[in-house]
PDB file of N, CA and C in Angstrom:
ATOM      1  N   UNK A   1     -35.400  26.399 -17.858  1.00  0.00           N
ATOM      2  CA  UNK A   1     -34.218  26.466 -18.688  1.00  0.00           C
ATOM      3  C   UNK A   1     -34.379  25.552 -19.901  1.00  0.00           C
ATOM      4  N   UNK A   2     -33.841  25.997 -21.002  1.00  0.00           N
ATOM      5  CA  UNK A   2     -33.917  25.202 -22.218  1.00  0.00           C
ATOM      6  C   UNK A   2     -32.869  24.086 -22.189  1.00  0.00           C
ATOM      7  N   UNK A   3     -33.176  23.040 -22.895  1.00  0.00           N
ATOM      8  CA  UNK A   3     -32.220  21.944 -22.989  1.00  0.00           C
ATOM      9  C   UNK A   3     -31.076  22.347 -23.911  1.00  0.00           C
ATOM     10  N   UNK A   4     -29.914  21.820 -23.642  1.00  0.00           N
ATOM     11  CA  UNK A   4     -28.744  22.130 -24.455  1.00  0.00           C
ATOM     12  C   UNK A   4     -28.847  21.428 -25.807  1.00  0.00           C
ATOM     13  N   UNK A   5     -28.388  22.105 -26.834  1.00  0.00           N
ATOM     14  CA  UNK A   5     -28.333  21.541 -28.178  1.00  0.00           C
ATOM     15  C   UNK A   5     -26.921  21.020 -28.405  1.00  0.00           C
ATOM     16  N   UNK A   6     -26.812  19.919 -29.115  1.00  0.00           N
ATOM     17  CA  UNK A   6     -25.508  19.351 -29.419  1.00  0.00           C
ATOM     18  C   UNK A   6     -25.187  19.596 -30.888  1.00  0.00           C
ATOM     19  N   UNK A   7     -24.047  20.226 -31.135  1.00  0.00           N
ATOM     20  CA  UNK A   7     -23.589  20.522 -32.486  1.00  0.00           C
ATOM     21  C   UNK A   7     -22.378  19.660 -32.794  1.00  0.00           C
ATOM     22  N   UNK A   8     -22.317  19.172 -34.025  1.00  0.00           N
ATOM     23  CA  UNK A   8     -21.176  18.375 -34.467  1.00  0.00           C
ATOM     24  C   UNK A   8     -20.544  19.101 -35.646  1.00  0.00           C
ATOM     25  N   UNK A   9     -19.350  19.625 -35.436  1.00  0.00           N
ATOM     26  CA  UNK A   9     -18.679  20.412 -36.450  1.00  0.00           C
ATOM     27  C   UNK A   9     -17.299  19.813 -36.713  1.00  0.00           C
ATOM     28  N   UNK A  10     -17.144  19.217 -37.870  1.00  0.00           N
ATOM     29  CA  UNK A  10     -15.858  18.637 -38.236  1.00  0.00           C
ATOM     30  C   UNK A  10     -15.420  17.513 -37.314  1.00  0.00           C
ATOM     31  N   UNK A  11     -16.361  16.750 -36.801  1.00  0.00           N
ATOM     32  CA  UNK A  11     -16.033  15.638 -35.914  1.00  0.00           C
ATOM     33  C   UNK A  11     -15.903  16.036 -34.452  1.00  0.00           C
ATOM     34  N   UNK A  12     -16.017  17.321 -34.140  1.00  0.00           N
ATOM     35  CA  UNK A  12     -15.964  17.790 -32.760  1.00  0.00           C
ATOM     36  C   UNK A  12     -17.376  18.182 -32.332  1.00  0.00           C
ATOM     37  N   UNK A  13     -17.837  17.593 -31.234  1.00  0.00           N
ATOM     38  CA  UNK A  13     -19.183  17.875 -30.734  1.00  0.00           C
ATOM     39  C   UNK A  13     -19.099  18.871 -29.576  1.00  0.00           C
ATOM     40  N   UNK A  14     -20.028  19.814 -29.556  1.00  0.00           N
ATOM     41  CA  UNK A  14     -20.128  20.732 -28.423  1.00  0.00           C
ATOM     42  C   UNK A  14     -21.585  21.052 -28.171  1.00  0.00           C
ATOM     43  N   UNK A  15     -21.872  21.500 -26.951  1.00  0.00           N
ATOM     44  CA  UNK A  15     -23.245  21.801 -26.551  1.00  0.00           C
ATOM     45  C   UNK A  15     -23.392  23.285 -26.255  1.00  0.00           C
ATOM     46  N   UNK A  16     -24.572  23.793 -26.526  1.00  0.00           N
ATOM     47  CA  UNK A  16     -24.898  25.189 -26.231  1.00  0.00           C
ATOM     48  C   UNK A  16     -26.390  25.287 -25.992  1.00  0.00           C
ATOM     49  N   UNK A  17     -26.772  26.215 -25.122  1.00  0.00           N
ATOM     50  CA  UNK A  17     -28.193  26.462 -24.860  1.00  0.00           C
ATOM     51  C   UNK A  17     -28.671  27.600 -25.745  1.00  0.00           C
ATOM     52  N   UNK A  18     -29.895  27.497 -26.259  1.00  0.00           N
ATOM     53  CA  UNK A  18     -30.439  28.611 -27.055  1.00  0.00           C
ATOM     54  C   UNK A  18     -30.630  29.846 -26.169  1.00  0.00           C
ATOM     55  N   UNK A  19     -30.371  31.009 -26.742  1.00  0.00           N
ATOM     56  CA  UNK A  19     -30.495  32.266 -26.016  1.00  0.00           C
ATOM     57  C   UNK A  19     -31.542  33.119 -26.711  1.00  0.00           C
ATOM     58  N   UNK A  20     -32.478  33.655 -25.938  1.00  0.00           N
ATOM     59  CA  UNK A  20     -33.498  34.531 -26.501  1.00  0.00           C
ATOM     60  C   UNK A  20     -32.894  35.912 -26.729  1.00  0.00           C
ATOM     61  N   UNK A  21     -33.039  36.416 -27.945  1.00  0.00           N
ATOM     62  CA  UNK A  21     -32.525  37.735 -28.282  1.00  0.00           C
ATOM     63  C   UNK A  21     -33.619  38.776 -28.146  1.00  0.00           C
ATOM     64  N   UNK A  22     -33.262  39.924 -27.612  1.00  0.00           N
ATOM     65  CA  UNK A  22     -34.193  41.039 -27.512  1.00  0.00           C
ATOM     66  C   UNK A  22     -34.091  41.840 -28.810  1.00  0.00           C
ATOM     67  N   UNK A  23     -35.152  41.847 -29.605  1.00  0.00           N
ATOM     68  CA  UNK A  23     -35.127  42.508 -30.911  1.00  0.00           C
ATOM     69  C   UNK A  23     -34.756  43.983 -30.806  1.00  0.00           C
ATOM     70  N   UNK A  24     -35.143  44.654 -29.726  1.00  0.00           N
ATOM     71  CA  UNK A  24     -34.817  46.075 -29.571  1.00  0.00           C
ATOM     72  C   UNK A  24     -33.310  46.281 -29.443  1.00  0.00           C
ATOM     73  N   UNK A  25     -32.628  45.341 -28.802  1.00  0.00           N
ATOM     74  CA  UNK A  25     -31.173  45.455 -28.662  1.00  0.00           C
ATOM     75  C   UNK A  25     -30.463  45.127 -29.971  1.00  0.00           C
ATOM     76  N   UNK A  26     -31.029  44.223 -30.759  1.00  0.00           N
ATOM     77  CA  UNK A  26     -30.395  43.809 -32.005  1.00  0.00           C
ATOM     78  C   UNK A  26     -30.628  44.842 -33.105  1.00  0.00           C
ATOM     79  N   UNK A  27     -31.872  45.267 -33.292  1.00  0.00           N
ATOM     80  CA  UNK A  27     -32.230  46.135 -34.406  1.00  0.00           C
ATOM     81  C   UNK A  27     -32.405  47.601 -34.028  1.00  0.00           C
ATOM     82  N   UNK A  28     -32.399  47.917 -32.751  1.00  0.00           N
ATOM     83  CA  UNK A  28     -32.617  49.285 -32.326  1.00  0.00           C
ATOM     84  C   UNK A  28     -34.100  49.576 -32.182  1.00  0.00           C
ATOM     85  N   UNK A  29     -34.392  50.737 -31.719  1.00  0.00           N
ATOM     86  CA  UNK A  29     -35.791  51.110 -31.506  1.00  0.00           C
ATOM     87  C   UNK A  29     -36.245  52.023 -32.615  1.00  0.00           C
ATOM     88  N   UNK A  30     -37.521  51.949 -32.915  1.00  0.00           N
ATOM     89  CA  UNK A  30     -38.099  52.833 -33.919  1.00  0.00           C
ATOM     90  C   UNK A  30     -39.250  53.590 -33.279  1.00  0.00           C
ATOM     91  N   UNK A  31     -39.481  54.761 -33.768  1.00  0.00           N
ATOM     92  CA  UNK A  31     -40.575  55.564 -33.255  1.00  0.00           C
ATOM     93  C   UNK A  31     -41.486  55.980 -34.391  1.00  0.00           C
ATOM     94  N   UNK A  32     -42.687  56.363 -34.046  1.00  0.00           N
ATOM     95  CA  UNK A  32     -43.652  56.810 -35.038  1.00  0.00           C
ATOM     96  C   UNK A  32     -43.968  58.269 -34.745  1.00  0.00           C
ATOM     97  N   UNK A  33     -43.899  59.083 -35.769  1.00  0.00           N
ATOM     98  CA  UNK A  33     -44.191  60.502 -35.608  1.00  0.00           C
ATOM     99  C   UNK A  33     -45.250  60.907 -36.629  1.00  0.00           C
ATOM    100  N   UNK A  34     -46.170  61.745 -36.192  1.00  0.00           N
ATOM    101  CA  UNK A  34     -47.207  62.264 -37.084  1.00  0.00           C
ATOM    102  C   UNK A  34     -47.045  63.778 -37.171  1.00  0.00           C
ATOM    103  N   UNK A  35     -46.943  64.279 -38.382  1.00  0.00           N
ATOM    104  CA  UNK A  35     -46.800  65.716 -38.602  1.00  0.00           C
ATOM    105  C   UNK A  35     -48.070  66.235 -39.259  1.00  0.00           C
ATOM    106  N   UNK A  36     -48.677  67.237 -38.659  1.00  0.00           N
ATOM    107  CA  UNK A  36     -49.880  67.840 -39.213  1.00  0.00           C
ATOM    108  C   UNK A  36     -49.592  69.314 -39.448  1.00  0.00           C
ATOM    109  N   UNK A  37     -49.777  69.764 -40.678  1.00  0.00           N
ATOM    110  CA  UNK A  37     -49.558  71.169 -40.997  1.00  0.00           C
ATOM    111  C   UNK A  37     -50.786  71.965 -40.632  1.00  0.00           C
ATOM    112  N   UNK A  38     -50.578  73.189 -40.170  1.00  0.00           N
ATOM    113  CA  UNK A  38     -51.706  74.060 -39.815  1.00  0.00           C
ATOM    114  C   UNK A  38     -52.485  74.440 -41.065  1.00  0.00           C
ATOM    115  N   UNK A  39     -53.773  74.553 -40.921  1.00  0.00           N
ATOM    116  CA  UNK A  39     -54.620  74.964 -42.019  1.00  0.00           C
ATOM    117  C   UNK A  39     -55.150  73.819 -42.865  1.00  0.00           C
ATOM    118  N   UNK A  40     -54.649  72.642 -42.664  1.00  0.00           N
ATOM    119  CA  UNK A  40     -55.136  71.479 -43.428  1.00  0.00           C
ATOM    120  C   UNK A  40     -56.074  70.671 -42.545  1.00  0.00           C
ATOM    121  N   UNK A  41     -57.178  70.189 -43.091  1.00  0.00           N
ATOM    122  CA  UNK A  41     -58.076  69.362 -42.293  1.00  0.00           C
ATOM    123  C   UNK A  41     -57.415  68.047 -41.932  1.00  0.00           C
ATOM    124  N   UNK A  42     -57.773  67.534 -40.780  1.00  0.00           N
ATOM    125  CA  UNK A  42     -57.209  66.277 -40.337  1.00  0.00           C
ATOM    126  C   UNK A  42     -57.787  65.129 -41.154  1.00  0.00           C
ATOM    127  N   UNK A  43     -56.976  64.107 -41.371  1.00  0.00           N
ATOM    128  CA  UNK A  43     -57.439  62.912 -42.087  1.00  0.00           C
ATOM    129  C   UNK A  43     -58.394  62.140 -41.216  1.00  0.00           C
ATOM    130  N   UNK A  44     -59.389  61.530 -41.837  1.00  0.00           N
ATOM    131  CA  UNK A  44     -60.379  60.753 -41.086  1.00  0.00           C
ATOM    132  C   UNK A  44     -60.156  59.305 -41.258  1.00  0.00           C
TER     133      UNK A  44
END
């Protein structure tokens, strides 16, 4: 477990632990798609 951080805001101190964010939940998922048209040679 991570150690708690102490914040001082306007003379009031409070503690909170850092939380790891899952980038997929924050930004969503992306996919990669390749489209190849018939009759065209494949790229090398």
